[in-house]
PDB file of all heavy atoms in Angstrom:
ATOM      1  N   PHE A   1      90.947 106.614  80.859  1.00  0.00           N
ATOM      2  CA  PHE A   1      91.593 105.513  80.016  1.00  0.00           C
ATOM      3  C   PHE A   1      93.156 105.862  80.128  1.00  0.00           C
ATOM      4  O   PHE A   1      93.560 106.873  80.456  1.00  0.00           O
ATOM      5  CB  PHE A   1      91.039 105.531  78.633  1.00  0.00           C
ATOM      6  CG  PHE A   1      91.087 106.792  77.952  1.00  0.00           C
ATOM      7  CD1 PHE A   1      92.188 107.351  77.341  1.00  0.00           C
ATOM      8  CD2 PHE A   1      89.864 107.432  77.718  1.00  0.00           C
ATOM      9  CE1 PHE A   1      92.210 108.548  76.674  1.00  0.00           C
ATOM     10  CE2 PHE A   1      89.764 108.718  77.023  1.00  0.00           C
ATOM     11  CZ  PHE A   1      91.017 109.276  76.534  1.00  0.00           C
ATOM     12  N   ARG A   2      93.826 104.745  79.732  1.00  0.00           N
ATOM     13  CA  ARG A   2      95.326 104.838  79.627  1.00  0.00           C
ATOM     14  C   ARG A   2      95.721 104.874  78.253  1.00  0.00           C
ATOM     15  O   ARG A   2      95.310 104.150  77.467  1.00  0.00           O
ATOM     16  CB  ARG A   2      95.920 103.639  80.361  1.00  0.00           C
ATOM     17  CG  ARG A   2      97.509 103.639  80.241  1.00  0.00           C
ATOM     18  CD  ARG A   2      98.178 102.343  80.839  1.00  0.00           C
ATOM     19  NE  ARG A   2      98.098 102.472  82.265  1.00  0.00           N
ATOM     20  CZ  ARG A   2      99.017 103.247  83.065  1.00  0.00           C
ATOM     21  NH1 ARG A   2      99.947 103.860  82.442  1.00  0.00           N
ATOM     22  NH2 ARG A   2      98.804 103.205  84.360  1.00  0.00           N
ATOM     23  N   LEU A   3      96.577 105.872  77.933  1.00  0.00           N
ATOM     24  CA  LEU A   3      97.106 105.994  76.480  1.00  0.00           C
ATOM     25  C   LEU A   3      98.527 105.389  76.597  1.00  0.00           C
ATOM     26  O   LEU A   3      99.237 105.697  77.459  1.00  0.00           O
ATOM     27  CB  LEU A   3      97.097 107.397  76.142  1.00  0.00           C
ATOM     28  CG  LEU A   3      95.785 108.082  75.901  1.00  0.00           C
ATOM     29  CD1 LEU A   3      95.987 109.497  75.736  1.00  0.00           C
ATOM     30  CD2 LEU A   3      95.182 107.500  74.671  1.00  0.00           C
ATOM     31  N   THR A   4      98.887 104.597  75.472  1.00  0.00           N
ATOM     32  CA  THR A   4     100.210 104.146  75.368  1.00  0.00           C
ATOM     33  C   THR A   4     100.662 104.503  74.011  1.00  0.00           C
ATOM     34  O   THR A   4      99.886 104.406  73.102  1.00  0.00           O
ATOM     35  CB  THR A   4     100.109 102.591  75.614  1.00  0.00           C
ATOM     36  OG1 THR A   4      99.539 102.306  76.864  1.00  0.00           O
ATOM     37  CG2 THR A   4     101.566 102.014  75.682  1.00  0.00           C
ATOM     38  N   TRP A   5     101.879 104.761  73.827  1.00  0.00           N
ATOM     39  CA  TRP A   5     102.437 105.157  72.490  1.00  0.00           C
ATOM     40  C   TRP A   5     103.877 104.649  72.309  1.00  0.00           C
ATOM     41  O   TRP A   5     104.512 104.461  73.389  1.00  0.00           O
ATOM     42  CB  TRP A   5     102.346 106.623  72.332  1.00  0.00           C
ATOM     43  CG  TRP A   5     103.075 107.570  73.272  1.00  0.00           C
ATOM     44  CD1 TRP A   5     104.323 108.003  73.151  1.00  0.00           C
ATOM     45  CD2 TRP A   5     102.484 108.085  74.452  1.00  0.00           C
ATOM     46  NE1 TRP A   5     104.587 108.791  74.266  1.00  0.00           N
ATOM     47  CE2 TRP A   5     103.551 108.822  74.964  1.00  0.00           C
ATOM     48  CE3 TRP A   5     101.098 108.117  74.932  1.00  0.00           C
ATOM     49  CZ2 TRP A   5     103.194 109.511  76.078  1.00  0.00           C
ATOM     50  CZ3 TRP A   5     101.031 108.798  76.099  1.00  0.00           C
ATOM     51  CH2 TRP A   5     102.010 109.606  76.809  1.00  0.00           C
ATOM     52  N   PRO A   6     104.332 104.554  71.144  1.00  0.00           N
ATOM     53  CA  PRO A   6     105.781 104.093  70.936  1.00  0.00           C
ATOM     54  C   PRO A   6     106.693 105.209  71.392  1.00  0.00           C
ATOM     55  O   PRO A   6     106.453 106.398  71.486  1.00  0.00           O
ATOM     56  CB  PRO A   6     105.766 103.863  69.470  1.00  0.00           C
ATOM     57  CG  PRO A   6     104.711 104.682  68.812  1.00  0.00           C
ATOM     58  CD  PRO A   6     103.667 104.662  69.841  1.00  0.00           C
ATOM     59  N   LYS A   7     107.922 104.723  71.739  1.00  0.00           N
ATOM     60  CA  LYS A   7     108.919 105.593  72.248  1.00  0.00           C
ATOM     61  C   LYS A   7     109.543 106.401  71.031  1.00  0.00           C
ATOM     62  O   LYS A   7     110.311 105.766  70.289  1.00  0.00           O
ATOM     63  CB  LYS A   7     110.052 104.828  73.035  1.00  0.00           C
ATOM     64  CG  LYS A   7     111.025 105.830  73.654  1.00  0.00           C
ATOM     65  CD  LYS A   7     111.897 104.963  74.639  1.00  0.00           C
ATOM     66  CE  LYS A   7     113.044 105.901  75.200  1.00  0.00           C
ATOM     67  NZ  LYS A   7     112.432 106.995  75.952  1.00  0.00           N
ATOM     68  N   LEU A   8     109.086 107.703  70.900  1.00  0.00           N
ATOM     69  CA  LEU A   8     109.632 108.457  69.711  1.00  0.00           C
ATOM     70  C   LEU A   8     110.656 109.485  70.247  1.00  0.00           C
ATOM     71  O   LEU A   8     111.541 109.795  69.536  1.00  0.00           O
ATOM     72  CB  LEU A   8     108.406 109.227  69.113  1.00  0.00           C
ATOM     73  CG  LEU A   8     107.221 108.338  68.558  1.00  0.00           C
ATOM     74  CD1 LEU A   8     106.073 109.162  68.218  1.00  0.00           C
ATOM     75  CD2 LEU A   8     107.756 107.473  67.471  1.00  0.00           C
ATOM     76  N   LEU A   9     110.446 109.876  71.463  1.00  0.00           N
ATOM     77  CA  LEU A   9     111.372 110.981  72.029  1.00  0.00           C
ATOM     78  C   LEU A   9     112.078 110.468  73.205  1.00  0.00           C
ATOM     79  O   LEU A   9     111.846 109.477  73.752  1.00  0.00           O
ATOM     80  CB  LEU A   9     110.560 112.240  72.359  1.00  0.00           C
ATOM     81  CG  LEU A   9     109.607 112.777  71.370  1.00  0.00           C
ATOM     82  CD1 LEU A   9     108.709 113.935  71.917  1.00  0.00           C
ATOM     83  CD2 LEU A   9     110.359 113.281  70.043  1.00  0.00           C
ATOM     84  N   SER A  10     113.062 111.325  73.630  1.00  0.00           N
ATOM     85  CA  SER A  10     113.627 111.058  75.013  1.00  0.00           C
ATOM     86  C   SER A  10     113.438 112.409  75.711  1.00  0.00           C
ATOM     87  O   SER A  10     112.994 113.344  75.233  1.00  0.00           O
ATOM     88  CB  SER A  10     115.026 110.659  74.810  1.00  0.00           C
ATOM     89  OG  SER A  10     115.804 111.804  74.456  1.00  0.00           O
ATOM     90  N   GLN A  11     113.791 112.374  76.993  1.00  0.00           N
ATOM     91  CA  GLN A  11     113.664 113.527  77.715  1.00  0.00           C
ATOM     92  C   GLN A  11     114.507 114.725  77.209  1.00  0.00           C
ATOM     93  O   GLN A  11     114.098 115.949  77.239  1.00  0.00           O
ATOM     94  CB  GLN A  11     114.213 113.363  79.200  1.00  0.00           C
ATOM     95  CG  GLN A  11     113.704 114.319  80.238  1.00  0.00           C
ATOM     96  CD  GLN A  11     113.902 113.829  81.689  1.00  0.00           C
ATOM     97  OE1 GLN A  11     114.275 112.624  81.851  1.00  0.00           O
ATOM     98  NE2 GLN A  11     113.632 114.645  82.626  1.00  0.00           N
ATOM     99  N   ASP A  12     115.535 114.340  76.526  1.00  0.00           N
ATOM    100  CA  ASP A  12     116.444 115.420  75.936  1.00  0.00           C
ATOM    101  C   ASP A  12     115.934 115.878  74.635  1.00  0.00           C
ATOM    102  O   ASP A  12     116.496 116.977  74.141  1.00  0.00           O
ATOM    103  CB  ASP A  12     117.891 114.886  75.769  1.00  0.00           C
ATOM    104  CG  ASP A  12     118.417 114.382  77.102  1.00  0.00           C
ATOM    105  OD1 ASP A  12     117.931 114.928  78.144  1.00  0.00           O
ATOM    106  OD2 ASP A  12     119.118 113.392  77.032  1.00  0.00           O
ATOM    107  N   THR A  13     115.095 115.110  73.849  1.00  0.00           N
ATOM    108  CA  THR A  13     114.867 115.518  72.484  1.00  0.00           C
ATOM    109  C   THR A  13     113.566 116.137  72.246  1.00  0.00           C
ATOM    110  O   THR A  13     113.144 116.412  71.141  1.00  0.00           O
ATOM    111  CB  THR A  13     114.940 114.310  71.457  1.00  0.00           C
ATOM    112  OG1 THR A  13     114.002 113.230  71.966  1.00  0.00           O
ATOM    113  CG2 THR A  13     116.400 113.644  71.484  1.00  0.00           C
ATOM    114  N   GLY A  14     112.678 116.361  73.365  1.00  0.00           N
ATOM    115  CA  GLY A  14     111.485 116.912  73.171  1.00  0.00           C
ATOM    116  C   GLY A  14     110.449 116.550  74.186  1.00  0.00           C
ATOM    117  O   GLY A  14     110.779 115.960  75.206  1.00  0.00           O
ATOM    118  N   TYR A  15     109.218 116.870  73.866  1.00  0.00           N
ATOM    119  CA  TYR A  15     108.161 116.645  74.718  1.00  0.00           C
ATOM    120  C   TYR A  15     106.876 116.388  73.829  1.00  0.00           C
ATOM    121  O   TYR A  15     106.911 116.517  72.640  1.00  0.00           O
ATOM    122  CB  TYR A  15     107.846 117.639  75.753  1.00  0.00           C
ATOM    123  CG  TYR A  15     107.291 118.887  75.059  1.00  0.00           C
ATOM    124  CD1 TYR A  15     106.025 119.318  74.842  1.00  0.00           C
ATOM    125  CD2 TYR A  15     108.216 119.963  74.630  1.00  0.00           C
ATOM    126  CE1 TYR A  15     105.623 120.429  74.134  1.00  0.00           C
ATOM    127  CE2 TYR A  15     107.948 121.165  74.036  1.00  0.00           C
ATOM    128  CZ  TYR A  15     106.533 121.357  73.821  1.00  0.00           C
ATOM    129  OH  TYR A  15     106.187 122.447  73.161  1.00  0.00           O
ATOM    130  N   TYR A  16     105.781 115.800  74.441  1.00  0.00           N
ATOM    131  CA  TYR A  16     104.575 115.503  73.727  1.00  0.00           C
ATOM    132  C   TYR A  16     103.495 116.474  74.155  1.00  0.00           C
ATOM    133  O   TYR A  16     103.344 116.755  75.369  1.00  0.00           O
ATOM    134  CB  TYR A  16     104.046 114.028  74.094  1.00  0.00           C
ATOM    135  CG  TYR A  16     105.043 112.984  73.680  1.00  0.00           C
ATOM    136  CD1 TYR A  16     105.795 112.437  74.665  1.00  0.00           C
ATOM    137  CD2 TYR A  16     105.123 112.508  72.408  1.00  0.00           C
ATOM    138  CE1 TYR A  16     106.711 111.320  74.354  1.00  0.00           C
ATOM    139  CE2 TYR A  16     106.003 111.498  72.068  1.00  0.00           C
ATOM    140  CZ  TYR A  16     106.777 110.839  73.006  1.00  0.00           C
ATOM    141  OH  TYR A  16     107.594 109.890  72.745  1.00  0.00           O
ATOM    142  N   SER A  17     102.745 116.949  73.166  1.00  0.00           N
ATOM    143  CA  SER A  17     101.495 117.635  73.479  1.00  0.00           C
ATOM    144  C   SER A  17     100.378 116.791  73.216  1.00  0.00           C
ATOM    145  O   SER A  17     100.311 116.051  72.149  1.00  0.00           O
ATOM    146  CB  SER A  17     101.284 118.825  72.496  1.00  0.00           C
ATOM    147  OG  SER A  17     102.246 119.880  72.845  1.00  0.00           O
ATOM    148  N   LEU A  18      99.513 116.595  74.245  1.00  0.00           N
ATOM    149  CA  LEU A  18      98.477 115.586  74.200  1.00  0.00           C
ATOM    150  C   LEU A  18      97.104 116.395  74.232  1.00  0.00           C
ATOM    151  O   LEU A  18      96.956 117.337  75.083  1.00  0.00           O
ATOM    152  CB  LEU A  18      98.586 114.716  75.337  1.00  0.00           C
ATOM    153  CG  LEU A  18      97.417 113.640  75.466  1.00  0.00           C
ATOM    154  CD1 LEU A  18      97.660 112.654  74.381  1.00  0.00           C
ATOM    155  CD2 LEU A  18      97.526 112.891  76.786  1.00  0.00           C
ATOM    156  N   GLU A  19      96.309 116.251  73.240  1.00  0.00           N
ATOM    157  CA  GLU A  19      95.046 116.967  73.171  1.00  0.00           C
ATOM    158  C   GLU A  19      93.867 115.792  73.182  1.00  0.00           C
ATOM    159  O   GLU A  19      94.018 114.846  72.394  1.00  0.00           O
ATOM    160  CB  GLU A  19      94.882 117.795  71.948  1.00  0.00           C
ATOM    161  CG  GLU A  19      95.845 118.895  71.880  1.00  0.00           C
ATOM    162  CD  GLU A  19      95.795 119.523  70.504  1.00  0.00           C
ATOM    163  OE1 GLU A  19      95.017 119.195  69.614  1.00  0.00           O
ATOM    164  OE2 GLU A  19      96.475 120.662  70.496  1.00  0.00           O
ATOM    165  N   TYR A  20      92.857 116.015  73.919  1.00  0.00           N
ATOM    166  CA  TYR A  20      91.673 115.119  74.045  1.00  0.00           C
ATOM    167  C   TYR A  20      90.487 115.986  73.917  1.00  0.00           C
ATOM    168  O   TYR A  20      90.339 116.812  74.757  1.00  0.00           O
ATOM    169  CB  TYR A  20      91.813 113.994  75.028  1.00  0.00           C
ATOM    170  CG  TYR A  20      92.113 114.550  76.368  1.00  0.00           C
ATOM    171  CD1 TYR A  20      90.875 114.591  77.301  1.00  0.00           C
ATOM    172  CD2 TYR A  20      93.258 114.968  76.864  1.00  0.00           C
ATOM    173  CE1 TYR A  20      91.163 115.050  78.658  1.00  0.00           C
ATOM    174  CE2 TYR A  20      93.510 115.413  78.061  1.00  0.00           C
ATOM    175  CZ  TYR A  20      92.511 115.432  79.054  1.00  0.00           C
ATOM    176  OH  TYR A  20      92.752 115.841  80.255  1.00  0.00           O
ATOM    177  N   THR A  21      89.492 115.541  73.026  1.00  0.00           N
ATOM    178  CA  THR A  21      88.389 116.463  72.817  1.00  0.00           C
ATOM    179  C   THR A  21      87.096 115.556  72.674  1.00  0.00           C
ATOM    180  O   THR A  21      87.113 114.673  71.968  1.00  0.00           O
ATOM    181  CB  THR A  21      88.507 117.124  71.511  1.00  0.00           C
ATOM    182  OG1 THR A  21      89.759 117.735  71.441  1.00  0.00           O
ATOM    183  CG2 THR A  21      87.405 118.173  71.341  1.00  0.00           C
ATOM    184  N   PRO A  22      85.993 115.794  73.500  1.00  0.00           N
ATOM    185  CA  PRO A  22      84.744 115.116  73.216  1.00  0.00           C
ATOM    186  C   PRO A  22      84.300 115.325  71.826  1.00  0.00           C
ATOM    187  O   PRO A  22      84.166 116.524  71.425  1.00  0.00           O
ATOM    188  CB  PRO A  22      83.899 115.695  74.240  1.00  0.00           C
ATOM    189  CG  PRO A  22      84.662 116.532  75.246  1.00  0.00           C
ATOM    190  CD  PRO A  22      85.921 116.903  74.522  1.00  0.00           C
ATOM    191  N   ARG A  23      84.009 114.266  71.050  1.00  0.00           N
ATOM    192  CA  ARG A  23      83.748 114.427  69.739  1.00  0.00           C
ATOM    193  C   ARG A  23      82.516 115.315  69.497  1.00  0.00           C
ATOM    194  O   ARG A  23      82.436 116.127  68.579  1.00  0.00           O
ATOM    195  CB  ARG A  23      83.513 113.107  69.034  1.00  0.00           C
ATOM    196  CG  ARG A  23      84.047 112.982  67.597  1.00  0.00           C
ATOM    197  CD  ARG A  23      83.910 111.623  67.089  1.00  0.00           C
ATOM    198  NE  ARG A  23      82.890 111.459  66.242  1.00  0.00           N
ATOM    199  CZ  ARG A  23      82.226 110.254  66.077  1.00  0.00           C
ATOM    200  NH1 ARG A  23      82.644 109.261  66.634  1.00  0.00           N
ATOM    201  NH2 ARG A  23      81.237 110.248  65.152  1.00  0.00           N
ATOM    202  N   ALA A  24      81.507 115.309  70.430  1.00  0.00           N
ATOM    203  CA  ALA A  24      80.323 116.058  70.211  1.00  0.00           C
ATOM    204  C   ALA A  24      80.493 117.438  70.730  1.00  0.00           C
ATOM    205  O   ALA A  24      79.569 118.356  70.310  1.00  0.00           O
ATOM    206  CB  ALA A  24      79.177 115.367  71.055  1.00  0.00           C
ATOM    207  N   GLU A  25      81.556 117.782  71.458  1.00  0.00           N
ATOM    208  CA  GLU A  25      81.735 119.096  71.999  1.00  0.00           C
ATOM    209  C   GLU A  25      83.146 119.597  71.780  1.00  0.00           C
ATOM    210  O   GLU A  25      83.899 119.621  72.647  1.00  0.00           O
ATOM    211  CB  GLU A  25      81.436 119.051  73.377  1.00  0.00           C
ATOM    212  CG  GLU A  25      79.886 118.740  73.722  1.00  0.00           C
ATOM    213  CD  GLU A  25      79.744 118.737  75.299  1.00  0.00           C
ATOM    214  OE1 GLU A  25      79.498 119.834  75.874  1.00  0.00           O
ATOM    215  OE2 GLU A  25      79.802 117.664  75.890  1.00  0.00           O
ATOM    216  N   PRO A  26      83.515 119.931  70.568  1.00  0.00           N
ATOM    217  CA  PRO A  26      84.806 120.333  70.235  1.00  0.00           C
ATOM    218  C   PRO A  26      85.401 121.508  71.077  1.00  0.00           C
ATOM    219  O   PRO A  26      86.494 121.627  71.293  1.00  0.00           O
ATOM    220  CB  PRO A  26      84.817 120.689  68.774  1.00  0.00           C
ATOM    221  CG  PRO A  26      83.509 120.130  68.167  1.00  0.00           C
ATOM    222  CD  PRO A  26      82.570 119.956  69.359  1.00  0.00           C
ATOM    223  N   ALA A  27      84.484 122.355  71.593  1.00  0.00           N
ATOM    224  CA  ALA A  27      84.887 123.375  72.407  1.00  0.00           C
ATOM    225  C   ALA A  27      85.553 123.057  73.759  1.00  0.00           C
ATOM    226  O   ALA A  27      86.178 123.748  74.444  1.00  0.00           O
ATOM    227  CB  ALA A  27      83.746 124.393  72.626  1.00  0.00           C
ATOM    228  N   ARG A  28      85.181 121.758  74.120  1.00  0.00           N
ATOM    229  CA  ARG A  28      85.714 121.255  75.413  1.00  0.00           C
ATOM    230  C   ARG A  28      87.110 120.527  75.351  1.00  0.00           C
ATOM    231  O   ARG A  28      87.386 119.667  76.063  1.00  0.00           O
ATOM    232  CB  ARG A  28      84.675 120.395  76.042  1.00  0.00           C
ATOM    233  CG  ARG A  28      83.455 121.219  76.623  1.00  0.00           C
ATOM    234  CD  ARG A  28      82.410 120.390  77.306  1.00  0.00           C
ATOM    235  NE  ARG A  28      83.056 119.567  78.311  1.00  0.00           N
ATOM    236  CZ  ARG A  28      82.499 118.462  78.839  1.00  0.00           C
ATOM    237  NH1 ARG A  28      81.317 117.992  78.345  1.00  0.00           N
ATOM    238  NH2 ARG A  28      83.003 117.827  79.881  1.00  0.00           N
ATOM    239  N   LYS A  29      87.891 121.042  74.322  1.00  0.00           N
ATOM    240  CA  LYS A  29      89.188 120.354  74.123  1.00  0.00           C
ATOM    241  C   LYS A  29      90.033 120.550  75.304  1.00  0.00           C
ATOM    242  O   LYS A  29      89.960 121.681  75.922  1.00  0.00           O
ATOM    243  CB  LYS A  29      89.760 120.984  72.836  1.00  0.00           C
ATOM    244  CG  LYS A  29      91.318 120.505  72.709  1.00  0.00           C
ATOM    245  CD  LYS A  29      91.657 120.621  71.295  1.00  0.00           C
ATOM    246  CE  LYS A  29      92.459 121.961  71.026  1.00  0.00           C
ATOM    247  NZ  LYS A  29      92.955 122.127  69.642  1.00  0.00           N
ATOM    248  N   ARG A  30      90.692 119.596  75.759  1.00  0.00           N
ATOM    249  CA  ARG A  30      91.712 119.794  76.802  1.00  0.00           C
ATOM    250  C   ARG A  30      93.032 119.317  76.325  1.00  0.00           C
ATOM    251  O   ARG A  30      93.244 118.458  75.429  1.00  0.00           O
ATOM    252  CB  ARG A  30      91.388 118.805  78.046  1.00  0.00           C
ATOM    253  CG  ARG A  30      90.050 119.381  78.800  1.00  0.00           C
ATOM    254  CD  ARG A  30      89.901 118.853  80.092  1.00  0.00           C
ATOM    255  NE  ARG A  30      89.080 117.693  80.097  1.00  0.00           N
ATOM    256  CZ  ARG A  30      88.848 116.956  81.140  1.00  0.00           C
ATOM    257  NH1 ARG A  30      89.356 117.185  82.284  1.00  0.00           N
ATOM    258  NH2 ARG A  30      87.965 115.947  81.102  1.00  0.00           N
ATOM    259  N   SER A  31      94.105 119.968  76.897  1.00  0.00           N
ATOM    260  CA  SER A  31      95.370 119.544  76.307  1.00  0.00           C
ATOM    261  C   SER A  31      96.400 119.601  77.608  1.00  0.00           C
ATOM    262  O   SER A  31      96.234 120.305  78.604  1.00  0.00           O
ATOM    263  CB  SER A  31      95.983 120.482  75.317  1.00  0.00           C
ATOM    264  OG  SER A  31      95.963 121.782  75.818  1.00  0.00           O
ATOM    265  N   GLN A  32      97.390 118.762  77.420  1.00  0.00           N
ATOM    266  CA  GLN A  32      98.506 118.761  78.387  1.00  0.00           C
ATOM    267  C   GLN A  32      99.816 118.354  77.836  1.00  0.00           C
ATOM    268  O   GLN A  32      99.803 117.831  76.759  1.00  0.00           O
ATOM    269  CB  GLN A  32      98.204 117.930  79.561  1.00  0.00           C
ATOM    270  CG  GLN A  32      98.027 116.476  79.327  1.00  0.00           C
ATOM    271  CD  GLN A  32      97.463 115.623  80.540  1.00  0.00           C
ATOM    272  OE1 GLN A  32      96.358 115.418  80.637  1.00  0.00           O
ATOM    273  NE2 GLN A  32      98.431 115.288  81.408  1.00  0.00           N
ATOM    274  N   GLN A  33     100.897 118.896  78.462  1.00  0.00           N
ATOM    275  CA  GLN A  33     102.250 118.485  77.977  1.00  0.00           C
ATOM    276  C   GLN A  33     102.719 117.316  78.782  1.00  0.00           C
ATOM    277  O   GLN A  33     102.560 117.176  79.948  1.00  0.00           O
ATOM    278  CB  GLN A  33     103.275 119.653  78.132  1.00  0.00           C
ATOM    279  CG  GLN A  33     102.989 120.780  77.187  1.00  0.00           C
ATOM    280  CD  GLN A  33     104.105 121.766  77.088  1.00  0.00           C
ATOM    281  OE1 GLN A  33     105.132 121.545  77.755  1.00  0.00           O
ATOM    282  NE2 GLN A  33     103.742 122.809  76.365  1.00  0.00           N
ATOM    283  N   VAL A  34     103.444 116.471  78.090  1.00  0.00           N
ATOM    284  CA  VAL A  34     104.019 115.232  78.690  1.00  0.00           C
ATOM    285  C   VAL A  34     105.465 115.165  78.386  1.00  0.00           C
ATOM    286  O   VAL A  34     105.917 115.374  77.226  1.00  0.00           O
ATOM    287  CB  VAL A  34     103.279 113.906  78.126  1.00  0.00           C
ATOM    288  CG1 VAL A  34     103.644 112.699  78.945  1.00  0.00           C
ATOM    289  CG2 VAL A  34     101.708 114.118  78.234  1.00  0.00           C
ATOM    290  N   SER A  35     106.210 114.850  79.307  1.00  0.00           N
ATOM    291  CA  SER A  35     107.732 114.694  79.185  1.00  0.00           C
ATOM    292  C   SER A  35     108.077 113.708  78.088  1.00  0.00           C
ATOM    293  O   SER A  35     107.397 112.697  77.915  1.00  0.00           O
ATOM    294  CB  SER A  35     108.282 114.323  80.552  1.00  0.00           C
ATOM    295  OG  SER A  35     109.536 113.776  80.338  1.00  0.00           O
ATOM    296  N   GLY A  36     109.153 113.944  77.376  1.00  0.00           N
ATOM    297  CA  GLY A  36     109.548 113.165  76.322  1.00  0.00           C
ATOM    298  C   GLY A  36     109.917 111.764  76.618  1.00  0.00           C
ATOM    299  O   GLY A  36     110.049 110.790  75.865  1.00  0.00           O
ATOM    300  N   ASP A  37     110.251 111.406  78.082  1.00  0.00           N
ATOM    301  CA  ASP A  37     110.559 110.107  78.401  1.00  0.00           C
ATOM    302  C   ASP A  37     109.351 109.245  78.726  1.00  0.00           C
ATOM    303  O   ASP A  37     109.528 108.042  79.125  1.00  0.00           O
ATOM    304  CB  ASP A  37     111.581 110.110  79.568  1.00  0.00           C
ATOM    305  CG  ASP A  37     111.063 110.825  80.688  1.00  0.00           C
ATOM    306  OD1 ASP A  37     110.002 111.394  80.668  1.00  0.00           O
ATOM    307  OD2 ASP A  37     111.739 110.931  81.631  1.00  0.00           O
ATOM    308  N   HIS A  38     108.126 109.773  78.602  1.00  0.00           N
ATOM    309  CA  HIS A  38     106.911 108.988  78.839  1.00  0.00           C
ATOM    310  C   HIS A  38     106.508 108.181  77.649  1.00  0.00           C
ATOM    311  O   HIS A  38     106.646 108.648  76.546  1.00  0.00           O
ATOM    312  CB  HIS A  38     105.749 109.914  79.274  1.00  0.00           C
ATOM    313  CG  HIS A  38     105.762 110.301  80.697  1.00  0.00           C
ATOM    314  ND1 HIS A  38     106.936 110.986  81.315  1.00  0.00           N
ATOM    315  CD2 HIS A  38     104.842 110.161  81.767  1.00  0.00           C
ATOM    316  CE1 HIS A  38     106.670 111.187  82.551  1.00  0.00           C
ATOM    317  NE2 HIS A  38     105.345 110.732  82.795  1.00  0.00           N
ATOM    318  N   THR A  39     105.900 107.047  77.857  1.00  0.00           N
ATOM    319  CA  THR A  39     105.209 106.395  76.762  1.00  0.00           C
ATOM    320  C   THR A  39     103.856 105.953  77.099  1.00  0.00           C
ATOM    321  O   THR A  39     103.248 105.220  76.378  1.00  0.00           O
ATOM    322  CB  THR A  39     106.059 105.097  76.362  1.00  0.00           C
ATOM    323  OG1 THR A  39     106.168 104.271  77.498  1.00  0.00           O
ATOM    324  CG2 THR A  39     107.344 105.447  75.703  1.00  0.00           C
ATOM    325  N   SER A  40     103.391 106.452  78.255  1.00  0.00           N
ATOM    326  CA  SER A  40     101.981 106.116  78.612  1.00  0.00           C
ATOM    327  C   SER A  40     101.554 107.178  79.675  1.00  0.00           C
ATOM    328  O   SER A  40     102.290 107.788  80.374  1.00  0.00           O
ATOM    329  CB  SER A  40     101.686 104.746  79.116  1.00  0.00           C
ATOM    330  OG  SER A  40     101.958 104.622  80.458  1.00  0.00           O
ATOM    331  N   LEU A  41     100.205 107.296  79.758  1.00  0.00           N
ATOM    332  CA  LEU A  41      99.614 108.286  80.608  1.00  0.00           C
ATOM    333  C   LEU A  41      98.113 107.961  80.863  1.00  0.00           C
ATOM    334  O   LEU A  41      97.520 107.493  79.903  1.00  0.00           O
ATOM    335  CB  LEU A  41      99.712 109.695  79.945  1.00  0.00           C
ATOM    336  CG  LEU A  41      99.097 110.870  80.773  1.00  0.00           C
ATOM    337  CD1 LEU A  41     100.115 111.179  81.896  1.00  0.00           C
ATOM    338  CD2 LEU A  41      98.986 112.108  79.916  1.00  0.00           C
ATOM    339  N   VAL A  42      97.639 108.111  82.108  1.00  0.00           N
ATOM    340  CA  VAL A  42      96.410 107.913  82.323  1.00  0.00           C
ATOM    341  C   VAL A  42      95.505 109.218  82.244  1.00  0.00           C
ATOM    342  O   VAL A  42      95.954 110.229  82.913  1.00  0.00           O
ATOM    343  CB  VAL A  42      96.112 107.249  83.739  1.00  0.00           C
ATOM    344  CG1 VAL A  42      94.644 107.211  84.091  1.00  0.00           C
ATOM    345  CG2 VAL A  42      96.745 105.868  83.810  1.00  0.00           C
TER     346      VAL A  42
END
């Protein structure tokens, strides 16, 4: 799926931590860092 979010940061002011977890299996949480100039990610 594609995630889209409002522009909160810029490349200079920070980055986003993205976590996504199957609801039935919390142990399978995955995370990634996304540059602050992004507003969407597949």
